[in-house]
């Protein structure tokens, strides 16, 4: 697993915990027990958390608009946060190719949620990529 893949999963853990606790993911990240790990991985975890936080309203609006059949509050927290990370990468991080952001999100959904979730997340992200130039 690449350092960025590990960072996405770690960022997702903090976003999920913050959702459950109704807290701030960056605060949770900063309060964690520090362990030796790849500095580039840790830097990307923080970039993801800060990016999602900075663009959360716009990201959630995209999810609400393009996640047909799901109200944001009723969507499983893990799926909602996978979409948040992927949408930050798709829309606000030009260094990540679209296909990489989508495939990483689908892989995380398959690993941490359900097969139906990975298919659904793939569909939502594909719809957004199709209109990305107009955003």
Protein backbone atom coordinates (compact mmCIF):
# COMPACT_ATOMS: atom_id res chain seq x y z
CA UNK A 1 0.00 0.00 0.00
CA UNK A 2 1.43 3.39 -0.98
CA UNK A 3 2.07 6.18 1.53
CA UNK A 4 -0.78 8.21 0.01
CA UNK A 5 -3.19 5.28 0.27
CA UNK A 6 -2.26 4.87 3.93
CA UNK A 7 -2.69 8.62 4.44
CA UNK A 8 -6.17 8.55 2.88
CA UNK A 9 -7.22 5.73 5.19
CA UNK A 10 -5.76 7.49 8.23
CA UNK A 11 -7.47 10.78 7.29
CA UNK A 12 -10.71 8.88 6.82
CA UNK A 13 -10.34 7.42 10.33
CA UNK A 14 -10.09 10.92 11.81
CA UNK A 15 -12.99 12.25 9.71
CA UNK A 16 -15.16 9.29 10.72
CA UNK A 17 -14.26 9.68 14.42
CA UNK A 18 -15.01 13.40 14.27
CA UNK A 19 -18.40 12.67 12.66
CA UNK A 20 -19.29 10.18 15.38
CA UNK A 21 -18.07 12.43 18.20
CA UNK A 22 -19.32 15.62 16.54
CA UNK A 23 -15.78 16.97 16.90
CA UNK A 24 -13.04 18.47 14.80
CA UNK A 25 -10.90 15.99 12.85
CA UNK A 26 -7.82 18.24 12.99
CA UNK A 27 -8.11 18.51 16.77
CA UNK A 28 -8.38 14.71 17.00
CA UNK A 29 -5.36 14.32 14.72
CA UNK A 30 -3.27 16.72 16.79
CA UNK A 31 -4.30 15.02 20.06
CA UNK A 32 -3.38 11.51 18.92
CA UNK A 33 -0.48 9.58 20.33
CA UNK A 34 2.49 10.31 18.10
CA UNK A 35 4.09 7.27 16.57
CA UNK A 36 7.00 7.05 14.20
CA UNK A 37 5.66 6.97 10.67
CA UNK A 38 6.48 8.18 7.21
CA UNK A 39 6.65 11.99 7.30
CA UNK A 40 5.23 12.29 3.78
CA UNK A 41 2.28 10.13 4.87
CA UNK A 42 1.65 12.33 7.91
CA UNK A 43 1.95 15.49 5.81
CA UNK A 44 -0.67 14.16 3.38
CA UNK A 45 -3.02 13.15 6.22
CA UNK A 46 -2.90 16.72 7.47
CA UNK A 47 -3.32 18.12 3.94
CA UNK A 48 -6.44 16.00 3.47
CA UNK A 49 -7.92 16.94 6.85
CA UNK A 50 -7.24 20.65 6.36
CA UNK A 51 -8.48 20.53 2.76
CA UNK A 52 -11.72 18.80 3.65
CA UNK A 53 -12.25 21.24 6.54
CA UNK A 54 -11.55 24.29 4.36
CA UNK A 55 -13.91 23.18 1.58
CA UNK A 56 -16.45 21.18 3.60
CA UNK A 57 -19.49 23.30 2.71
CA UNK A 58 -18.76 23.17 -1.03
CA UNK A 59 -17.91 19.46 -0.87
CA UNK A 60 -21.10 18.66 1.05
CA UNK A 61 -23.12 20.68 -1.45
CA UNK A 62 -21.69 18.57 -4.28
CA UNK A 63 -22.53 15.39 -2.39
CA UNK A 64 -26.07 16.60 -1.72
CA UNK A 65 -26.53 17.57 -5.37
CA UNK A 66 -25.08 14.46 -7.00
CA UNK A 67 -25.74 11.68 -4.47
CA UNK A 68 -29.15 10.89 -5.86
CA UNK A 69 -31.49 9.17 -3.48
CA UNK A 70 -29.47 9.97 -0.36
CA UNK A 71 -29.82 12.80 2.10
CA UNK A 72 -26.36 13.75 3.41
CA UNK A 73 -27.41 13.16 7.03
CA UNK A 74 -28.86 9.73 6.26
CA UNK A 75 -25.85 8.55 4.27
CA UNK A 76 -23.58 6.19 6.22
CA UNK A 77 -20.82 8.24 7.87
CA UNK A 78 -18.04 6.16 6.33
CA UNK A 79 -19.44 6.67 2.81
CA UNK A 80 -19.97 10.40 3.39
CA UNK A 81 -16.37 10.80 4.51
CA UNK A 82 -14.94 8.70 1.69
CA UNK A 83 -16.76 11.05 -0.69
CA UNK A 84 -15.41 14.10 1.15
CA UNK A 85 -11.80 12.94 0.80
CA UNK A 86 -12.27 11.98 -2.85
CA UNK A 87 -14.02 15.23 -3.72
CA UNK A 88 -11.30 17.28 -2.07
CA UNK A 89 -8.78 15.44 -4.24
CA UNK A 90 -10.91 15.70 -7.40
CA UNK A 91 -11.90 19.35 -7.14
CA UNK A 92 -9.27 21.04 -4.98
CA UNK A 93 -6.04 19.05 -5.41
CA UNK A 94 -4.77 19.25 -8.96
CA UNK A 95 -1.82 16.99 -8.14
CA UNK A 96 -4.03 13.89 -7.94
CA UNK A 97 -5.33 12.43 -11.22
CA UNK A 98 -9.12 11.98 -11.27
CA UNK A 99 -8.89 8.23 -11.92
CA UNK A 100 -6.61 7.79 -8.89
CA UNK A 101 -8.96 9.71 -6.56
CA UNK A 102 -11.93 7.66 -7.76
CA UNK A 103 -10.19 4.31 -7.62
CA UNK A 104 -8.81 4.98 -4.12
CA UNK A 105 -12.31 5.96 -2.91
CA UNK A 106 -13.88 2.86 -4.44
CA UNK A 107 -11.18 0.68 -2.88
CA UNK A 108 -11.72 2.27 0.56
CA UNK A 109 -15.48 1.76 0.24
CA UNK A 110 -14.97 -1.89 -0.72
CA UNK A 111 -12.67 -2.41 2.25
CA UNK A 112 -14.57 -0.41 4.89
CA UNK A 113 -18.18 -0.34 3.74
CA UNK A 114 -20.21 -2.50 1.36
CA UNK A 115 -20.01 -3.58 -2.28
CA UNK A 116 -23.09 -1.46 -2.93
CA UNK A 117 -21.34 1.53 -1.36
CA UNK A 118 -18.32 1.18 -3.62
CA UNK A 119 -20.57 1.05 -6.70
CA UNK A 120 -22.60 4.02 -5.45
CA UNK A 121 -19.49 6.09 -4.63
CA UNK A 122 -18.05 5.31 -8.06
CA UNK A 123 -21.27 6.58 -9.66
CA UNK A 124 -21.39 9.80 -7.63
CA UNK A 125 -17.74 10.62 -8.31
CA UNK A 126 -18.08 9.79 -12.01
CA UNK A 127 -21.03 12.20 -12.31
CA UNK A 128 -19.01 14.94 -10.67
CA UNK A 129 -15.94 14.32 -12.85
CA UNK A 130 -18.17 14.65 -15.91
CA UNK A 131 -19.09 18.22 -14.91
CA UNK A 132 -15.81 19.10 -13.16
CA UNK A 133 -14.77 21.66 -15.79
CA UNK A 134 -17.90 23.72 -15.05
CA UNK A 135 -17.35 23.82 -11.28
